[in-house]
Amino acid sequence: MVKYIAVGSYWLGVVCALVAVVGRICDALGIAFVRIFTKGNTIDVRSFLDAALLFLFIAIASANYEWFQSRQRGS
């Protein structure tokens, strides 16, 4: 189960990072990137960047947890 969490969060992090990069490129070229308005703050490029970091940290933590568990089973 931890392996599926690590893989899924890794790919979600990669997708969010790509959306953030495309959004930054669009902003640099003057093209309006999609901003989703909500009752609170808008969802924009920074939100995707934060999500990418969160998902990639979850992937790293899950992979390390699985590695530590496999070492304990092997000992």
PDB file of N, CA and C in Angstrom:
ATOM      1  N   MET A   1       0.820  -1.189   0.000  1.00  0.00           N
ATOM      2  CA  MET A   1       0.000   0.000   0.000  1.00  0.00           C
ATOM      3  C   MET A   1       0.870   1.260   0.000  1.00  0.00           C
ATOM      4  N   VAL A   2       1.946   1.225   0.749  1.00  0.00           N
ATOM      5  CA  VAL A   2       2.834   2.393   0.814  1.00  0.00           C
ATOM      6  C   VAL A   2       3.472   2.639  -0.543  1.00  0.00           C
ATOM      7  N   LYS A   3       3.749   1.560  -1.273  1.00  0.00           N
ATOM      8  CA  LYS A   3       4.340   1.706  -2.597  1.00  0.00           C
ATOM      9  C   LYS A   3       3.381   2.427  -3.539  1.00  0.00           C
ATOM     10  N   TYR A   4       2.094   2.111  -3.468  1.00  0.00           N
ATOM     11  CA  TYR A   4       1.110   2.776  -4.311  1.00  0.00           C
ATOM     12  C   TYR A   4       0.968   4.256  -3.948  1.00  0.00           C
ATOM     13  N   ILE A   5       1.062   4.571  -2.664  1.00  0.00           N
ATOM     14  CA  ILE A   5       1.016   5.967  -2.228  1.00  0.00           C
ATOM     15  C   ILE A   5       2.224   6.720  -2.768  1.00  0.00           C
ATOM     16  N   ALA A   6       3.392   6.101  -2.691  1.00  0.00           N
ATOM     17  CA  ALA A   6       4.617   6.740  -3.181  1.00  0.00           C
ATOM     18  C   ALA A   6       4.551   6.985  -4.683  1.00  0.00           C
ATOM     19  N   VAL A   7       4.107   5.996  -5.421  1.00  0.00           N
ATOM     20  CA  VAL A   7       4.035   6.136  -6.883  1.00  0.00           C
ATOM     21  C   VAL A   7       2.977   7.153  -7.278  1.00  0.00           C
ATOM     22  N   GLY A   8       1.798   7.068  -6.668  1.00  0.00           N
ATOM     23  CA  GLY A   8       0.717   7.998  -7.003  1.00  0.00           C
ATOM     24  C   GLY A   8       1.065   9.434  -6.653  1.00  0.00           C
ATOM     25  N   SER A   9       1.634   9.647  -5.486  1.00  0.00           N
ATOM     26  CA  SER A   9       1.987  11.010  -5.098  1.00  0.00           C
ATOM     27  C   SER A   9       3.137  11.543  -5.938  1.00  0.00           C
ATOM     28  N   TYR A  10       4.035  10.664  -6.368  1.00  0.00           N
ATOM     29  CA  TYR A  10       5.118  11.104  -7.250  1.00  0.00           C
ATOM     30  C   TYR A  10       4.556  11.639  -8.559  1.00  0.00           C
ATOM     31  N   TRP A  11       3.660  10.881  -9.178  1.00  0.00           N
ATOM     32  CA  TRP A  11       3.113  11.309 -10.470  1.00  0.00           C
ATOM     33  C   TRP A  11       2.215  12.528 -10.339  1.00  0.00           C
ATOM     34  N   LEU A  12       1.464  12.631  -9.236  1.00  0.00           N
ATOM     35  CA  LEU A  12       0.687  13.851  -9.008  1.00  0.00           C
ATOM     36  C   LEU A  12       1.611  15.053  -8.838  1.00  0.00           C
ATOM     37  N   GLY A  13       2.727  14.856  -8.151  1.00  0.00           N
ATOM     38  CA  GLY A  13       3.703  15.930  -7.992  1.00  0.00           C
ATOM     39  C   GLY A  13       4.319  16.352  -9.313  1.00  0.00           C
ATOM     40  N   VAL A  14       4.604  15.383 -10.167  1.00  0.00           N
ATOM     41  CA  VAL A  14       5.179  15.702 -11.477  1.00  0.00           C
ATOM     42  C   VAL A  14       4.171  16.481 -12.325  1.00  0.00           C
ATOM     43  N   VAL A  15       2.916  16.055 -12.307  1.00  0.00           N
ATOM     44  CA  VAL A  15       1.885  16.753 -13.085  1.00  0.00           C
ATOM     45  C   VAL A  15       1.699  18.176 -12.572  1.00  0.00           C
ATOM     46  N   CYS A  16       1.634  18.350 -11.268  1.00  0.00           N
ATOM     47  CA  CYS A  16       1.490  19.697 -10.700  1.00  0.00           C
ATOM     48  C   CYS A  16       2.696  20.565 -11.028  1.00  0.00           C
ATOM     49  N   ALA A  17       3.884  19.988 -11.004  1.00  0.00           N
ATOM     50  CA  ALA A  17       5.087  20.750 -11.346  1.00  0.00           C
ATOM     51  C   ALA A  17       5.057  21.181 -12.809  1.00  0.00           C
ATOM     52  N   LEU A  18       4.612  20.302 -13.696  1.00  0.00           N
ATOM     53  CA  LEU A  18       4.514  20.659 -15.110  1.00  0.00           C
ATOM     54  C   LEU A  18       3.492  21.763 -15.336  1.00  0.00           C
ATOM     55  N   VAL A  19       2.353  21.690 -14.647  1.00  0.00           N
ATOM     56  CA  VAL A  19       1.341  22.746 -14.768  1.00  0.00           C
ATOM     57  C   VAL A  19       1.909  24.066 -14.263  1.00  0.00           C
ATOM     58  N   ALA A  20       2.664  24.021 -13.172  1.00  0.00           N
ATOM     59  CA  ALA A  20       3.277  25.240 -12.633  1.00  0.00           C
ATOM     60  C   ALA A  20       4.292  25.829 -13.606  1.00  0.00           C
ATOM     61  N   VAL A  21       5.091  24.980 -14.227  1.00  0.00           N
ATOM     62  CA  VAL A  21       6.083  25.468 -15.195  1.00  0.00           C
ATOM     63  C   VAL A  21       5.390  26.070 -16.414  1.00  0.00           C
ATOM     64  N   VAL A  22       4.371  25.399 -16.921  1.00  0.00           N
ATOM     65  CA  VAL A  22       3.635  25.934 -18.071  1.00  0.00           C
ATOM     66  C   VAL A  22       2.973  27.261 -17.699  1.00  0.00           C
ATOM     67  N   GLY A  23       2.439  27.352 -16.500  1.00  0.00           N
ATOM     68  CA  GLY A  23       1.823  28.595 -16.049  1.00  0.00           C
ATOM     69  C   GLY A  23       2.830  29.725 -15.954  1.00  0.00           C
ATOM     70  N   ARG A  24       4.034  29.419 -15.450  1.00  0.00           N
ATOM     71  CA  ARG A  24       5.079  30.444 -15.363  1.00  0.00           C
ATOM     72  C   ARG A  24       5.518  30.903 -16.753  1.00  0.00           C
ATOM     73  N   ILE A  25       5.612  29.969 -17.679  1.00  0.00           N
ATOM     74  CA  ILE A  25       5.993  30.330 -19.049  1.00  0.00           C
ATOM     75  C   ILE A  25       4.915  31.210 -19.673  1.00  0.00           C
ATOM     76  N   CYS A  26       3.649  30.854 -19.439  1.00  0.00           N
ATOM     77  CA  CYS A  26       2.550  31.669 -19.961  1.00  0.00           C
ATOM     78  C   CYS A  26       2.578  33.067 -19.359  1.00  0.00           C
ATOM     79  N   ASP A  27       2.847  33.172 -18.071  1.00  0.00           N
ATOM     80  CA  ASP A  27       2.943  34.484 -17.435  1.00  0.00           C
ATOM     81  C   ASP A  27       4.108  35.294 -18.005  1.00  0.00           C
ATOM     82  N   ALA A  28       5.220  34.640 -18.278  1.00  0.00           N
ATOM     83  CA  ALA A  28       6.383  35.330 -18.829  1.00  0.00           C
ATOM     84  C   ALA A  28       6.116  35.835 -20.245  1.00  0.00           C
ATOM     85  N   LEU A  29       5.314  35.089 -20.995  1.00  0.00           N
ATOM     86  CA  LEU A  29       4.999  35.488 -22.374  1.00  0.00           C
ATOM     87  C   LEU A  29       3.806  36.432 -22.452  1.00  0.00           C
ATOM     88  N   GLY A  30       3.169  36.682 -21.319  1.00  0.00           N
ATOM     89  CA  GLY A  30       2.027  37.588 -21.315  1.00  0.00           C
ATOM     90  C   GLY A  30       0.704  36.927 -21.641  1.00  0.00           C
ATOM     91  N   ILE A  31       0.682  35.622 -21.669  1.00  0.00           N
ATOM     92  CA  ILE A  31      -0.546  34.878 -21.943  1.00  0.00           C
ATOM     93  C   ILE A  31      -1.251  34.651 -20.616  1.00  0.00           C
ATOM     94  N   ALA A  32      -2.536  34.904 -20.588  1.00  0.00           N
ATOM     95  CA  ALA A  32      -3.296  34.732 -19.350  1.00  0.00           C
ATOM     96  C   ALA A  32      -3.454  33.241 -19.062  1.00  0.00           C
ATOM     97  N   PHE A  33      -2.954  32.822 -17.914  1.00  0.00           N
ATOM     98  CA  PHE A  33      -3.084  31.426 -17.484  1.00  0.00           C
ATOM     99  C   PHE A  33      -4.372  31.289 -16.683  1.00  0.00           C
ATOM    100  N   VAL A  34      -4.920  30.125 -16.634  1.00  0.00           N
ATOM    101  CA  VAL A  34      -6.185  29.896 -15.965  1.00  0.00           C
ATOM    102  C   VAL A  34      -6.059  30.160 -14.468  1.00  0.00           C
ATOM    103  N   ARG A  35      -6.938  31.000 -13.957  1.00  0.00           N
ATOM    104  CA  ARG A  35      -7.036  31.228 -12.516  1.00  0.00           C
ATOM    105  C   ARG A  35      -8.433  30.809 -12.100  1.00  0.00           C
ATOM    106  N   ILE A  36      -8.494  29.957 -11.127  1.00  0.00           N
ATOM    107  CA  ILE A  36      -9.769  29.456 -10.648  1.00  0.00           C
ATOM    108  C   ILE A  36     -10.153  30.273  -9.419  1.00  0.00           C
ATOM    109  N   PHE A  37     -11.272  30.960  -9.503  1.00  0.00           N
ATOM    110  CA  PHE A  37     -11.713  31.799  -8.396  1.00  0.00           C
ATOM    111  C   PHE A  37     -12.581  30.984  -7.447  1.00  0.00           C
ATOM    112  N   THR A  38     -12.295  31.104  -6.190  1.00  0.00           N
ATOM    113  CA  THR A  38     -13.072  30.431  -5.154  1.00  0.00           C
ATOM    114  C   THR A  38     -13.531  31.478  -4.147  1.00  0.00           C
ATOM    115  N   LYS A  39     -14.240  31.052  -3.132  1.00  0.00           N
ATOM    116  CA  LYS A  39     -14.681  31.994  -2.108  1.00  0.00           C
ATOM    117  C   LYS A  39     -13.499  32.527  -1.305  1.00  0.00           C
ATOM    118  N   GLY A  40     -12.431  31.757  -1.243  1.00  0.00           N
ATOM    119  CA  GLY A  40     -11.227  32.187  -0.536  1.00  0.00           C
ATOM    120  C   GLY A  40     -10.228  32.757  -1.520  1.00  0.00           C
ATOM    121  N   ASN A  41      -9.032  32.221  -1.504  1.00  0.00           N
ATOM    122  CA  ASN A  41      -7.984  32.652  -2.427  1.00  0.00           C
ATOM    123  C   ASN A  41      -8.170  31.990  -3.782  1.00  0.00           C
ATOM    124  N   THR A  42      -7.592  32.586  -4.816  1.00  0.00           N
ATOM    125  CA  THR A  42      -7.659  31.983  -6.147  1.00  0.00           C
ATOM    126  C   THR A  42      -6.669  30.828  -6.235  1.00  0.00           C
ATOM    127  N   ILE A  43      -6.967  29.891  -7.108  1.00  0.00           N
ATOM    128  CA  ILE A  43      -6.059  28.773  -7.371  1.00  0.00           C
ATOM    129  C   ILE A  43      -5.270  29.163  -8.615  1.00  0.00           C
ATOM    130  N   ASP A  44      -3.975  29.373  -8.444  1.00  0.00           N
ATOM    131  CA  ASP A  44      -3.141  29.821  -9.548  1.00  0.00           C
ATOM    132  C   ASP A  44      -1.847  29.024  -9.592  1.00  0.00           C
ATOM    133  N   VAL A  45      -0.845  29.559 -10.254  1.00  0.00           N
ATOM    134  CA  VAL A  45       0.426  28.856 -10.458  1.00  0.00           C
ATOM    135  C   VAL A  45       1.080  28.501  -9.127  1.00  0.00           C
ATOM    136  N   ARG A  46       1.032  29.422  -8.170  1.00  0.00           N
ATOM    137  CA  ARG A  46       1.664  29.175  -6.869  1.00  0.00           C
ATOM    138  C   ARG A  46       1.008  27.991  -6.152  1.00  0.00           C
ATOM    139  N   SER A  47      -0.294  27.833  -6.307  1.00  0.00           N
ATOM    140  CA  SER A  47      -0.993  26.705  -5.689  1.00  0.00           C
ATOM    141  C   SER A  47      -0.516  25.380  -6.264  1.00  0.00           C
ATOM    142  N   PHE A  48      -0.290  25.350  -7.575  1.00  0.00           N
ATOM    143  CA  PHE A  48       0.207  24.120  -8.198  1.00  0.00           C
ATOM    144  C   PHE A  48       1.652  23.844  -7.780  1.00  0.00           C
ATOM    145  N   LEU A  49       2.445  24.891  -7.606  1.00  0.00           N
ATOM    146  CA  LEU A  49       3.817  24.708  -7.143  1.00  0.00           C
ATOM    147  C   LEU A  49       3.842  24.147  -5.720  1.00  0.00           C
ATOM    148  N   ASP A  50       2.993  24.692  -4.849  1.00  0.00           N
ATOM    149  CA  ASP A  50       2.903  24.181  -3.479  1.00  0.00           C
ATOM    150  C   ASP A  50       2.414  22.735  -3.463  1.00  0.00           C
ATOM    151  N   ALA A  51       1.437  22.412  -4.309  1.00  0.00           N
ATOM    152  CA  ALA A  51       0.931  21.041  -4.384  1.00  0.00           C
ATOM    153  C   ALA A  51       2.010  20.085  -4.889  1.00  0.00           C
ATOM    154  N   ALA A  52       2.796  20.531  -5.856  1.00  0.00           N
ATOM    155  CA  ALA A  52       3.875  19.684  -6.380  1.00  0.00           C
ATOM    156  C   ALA A  52       4.881  19.363  -5.286  1.00  0.00           C
ATOM    157  N   LEU A  53       5.262  20.372  -4.504  1.00  0.00           N
ATOM    158  CA  LEU A  53       6.198  20.128  -3.410  1.00  0.00           C
ATOM    159  C   LEU A  53       5.606  19.178  -2.378  1.00  0.00           C
ATOM    160  N   LEU A  54       4.350  19.378  -2.038  1.00  0.00           N
ATOM    161  CA  LEU A  54       3.694  18.500  -1.065  1.00  0.00           C
ATOM    162  C   LEU A  54       3.671  17.058  -1.549  1.00  0.00           C
ATOM    163  N   PHE A  55       3.241  16.839  -2.792  1.00  0.00           N
ATOM    164  CA  PHE A  55       3.169  15.475  -3.312  1.00  0.00           C
ATOM    165  C   PHE A  55       4.542  14.835  -3.432  1.00  0.00           C
ATOM    166  N   LEU A  56       5.543  15.601  -3.837  1.00  0.00           N
ATOM    167  CA  LEU A  56       6.881  15.026  -3.955  1.00  0.00           C
ATOM    168  C   LEU A  56       7.479  14.715  -2.587  1.00  0.00           C
ATOM    169  N   PHE A  57       7.200  15.536  -1.572  1.00  0.00           N
ATOM    170  CA  PHE A  57       7.643  15.210  -0.213  1.00  0.00           C
ATOM    171  C   PHE A  57       6.952  13.958   0.309  1.00  0.00           C
ATOM    172  N   ILE A  58       5.669  13.798  -0.006  1.00  0.00           N
ATOM    173  CA  ILE A  58       4.954  12.582   0.402  1.00  0.00           C
ATOM    174  C   ILE A  58       5.570  11.359  -0.277  1.00  0.00           C
ATOM    175  N   ALA A  59       5.931  11.492  -1.546  1.00  0.00           N
ATOM    176  CA  ALA A  59       6.548  10.372  -2.262  1.00  0.00           C
ATOM    177  C   ALA A  59       7.894  10.003  -1.637  1.00  0.00           C
ATOM    178  N   ILE A  60       8.687  10.998  -1.289  1.00  0.00           N
ATOM    179  CA  ILE A  60       9.987  10.730  -0.663  1.00  0.00           C
ATOM    180  C   ILE A  60       9.803  10.075   0.701  1.00  0.00           C
ATOM    181  N   ALA A  61       8.872  10.600   1.499  1.00  0.00           N
ATOM    182  CA  ALA A  61       8.632  10.036   2.828  1.00  0.00           C
ATOM    183  C   ALA A  61       8.108   8.604   2.734  1.00  0.00           C
ATOM    184  N   SER A  62       7.214   8.337   1.800  1.00  0.00           N
ATOM    185  CA  SER A  62       6.672   6.988   1.641  1.00  0.00           C
ATOM    186  C   SER A  62       7.745   6.005   1.194  1.00  0.00           C
ATOM    187  N   ALA A  63       8.592   6.432   0.276  1.00  0.00           N
ATOM    188  CA  ALA A  63       9.666   5.562  -0.194  1.00  0.00           C
ATOM    189  C   ALA A  63      10.654   5.263   0.935  1.00  0.00           C
ATOM    190  N   ASN A  64      10.966   6.283   1.734  1.00  0.00           N
ATOM    191  CA  ASN A  64      11.868   6.052   2.867  1.00  0.00           C
ATOM    192  C   ASN A  64      11.239   5.140   3.903  1.00  0.00           C
ATOM    193  N   TYR A  65       9.953   5.291   4.167  1.00  0.00           N
ATOM    194  CA  TYR A  65       9.259   4.416   5.113  1.00  0.00           C
ATOM    195  C   TYR A  65       9.292   2.967   4.634  1.00  0.00           C
ATOM    196  N   GLU A  66       9.029   2.769   3.356  1.00  0.00           N
ATOM    197  CA  GLU A  66       9.064   1.411   2.790  1.00  0.00           C
ATOM    198  C   GLU A  66      10.477   0.836   2.879  1.00  0.00           C
ATOM    199  N   TRP A  67      11.486   1.669   2.634  1.00  0.00           N
ATOM    200  CA  TRP A  67      12.867   1.199   2.699  1.00  0.00           C
ATOM    201  C   TRP A  67      13.234   0.791   4.124  1.00  0.00           C
ATOM    202  N   PHE A  68      12.842   1.599   5.122  1.00  0.00           N
ATOM    203  CA  PHE A  68      13.135   1.263   6.509  1.00  0.00           C
ATOM    204  C   PHE A  68      12.400  -0.008   6.941  1.00  0.00           C
ATOM    205  N   GLN A  69      11.176  -0.171   6.496  1.00  0.00           N
ATOM    206  CA  GLN A  69      10.410  -1.376   6.827  1.00  0.00           C
ATOM    207  C   GLN A  69      11.035  -2.617   6.212  1.00  0.00           C
ATOM    208  N   SER A  70      11.528  -2.509   4.994  1.00  0.00           N
ATOM    209  CA  SER A  70      12.153  -3.664   4.340  1.00  0.00           C
ATOM    210  C   SER A  70      13.478  -4.018   5.021  1.00  0.00           C
ATOM    211  N   ARG A  71      14.199  -3.019   5.504  1.00  0.00           N
ATOM    212  CA  ARG A  71      15.453  -3.299   6.228  1.00  0.00           C
ATOM    213  C   ARG A  71      15.176  -3.994   7.567  1.00  0.00           C
ATOM    214  N   GLN A  72      14.101  -3.591   8.245  1.00  0.00           N
ATOM    215  CA  GLN A  72      13.771  -4.221   9.527  1.00  0.00           C
ATOM    216  C   GLN A  72      13.300  -5.657   9.335  1.00  0.00           C
ATOM    217  N   ARG A  73      12.577  -5.916   8.242  1.00  0.00           N
ATOM    218  CA  ARG A  73      12.138  -7.294   7.969  1.00  0.00           C
ATOM    219  C   ARG A  73      13.316  -8.172   7.603  1.00  0.00           C
ATOM    220  N   GLY A  74      14.318  -7.594   6.957  1.00  0.00           N
ATOM    221  CA  GLY A  74      15.484  -8.361   6.522  1.00  0.00           C
ATOM    222  C   GLY A  74      16.426  -8.692   7.664  1.00  0.00           C
ATOM    223  N   SER A  75      16.403  -7.907   8.724  1.00  0.00           N
ATOM    224  CA  SER A  75      17.340  -8.126   9.838  1.00  0.00           C
ATOM    225  C   SER A  75      16.901  -9.221  10.756  1.00  0.00           C
TER     226      SER A  75
END
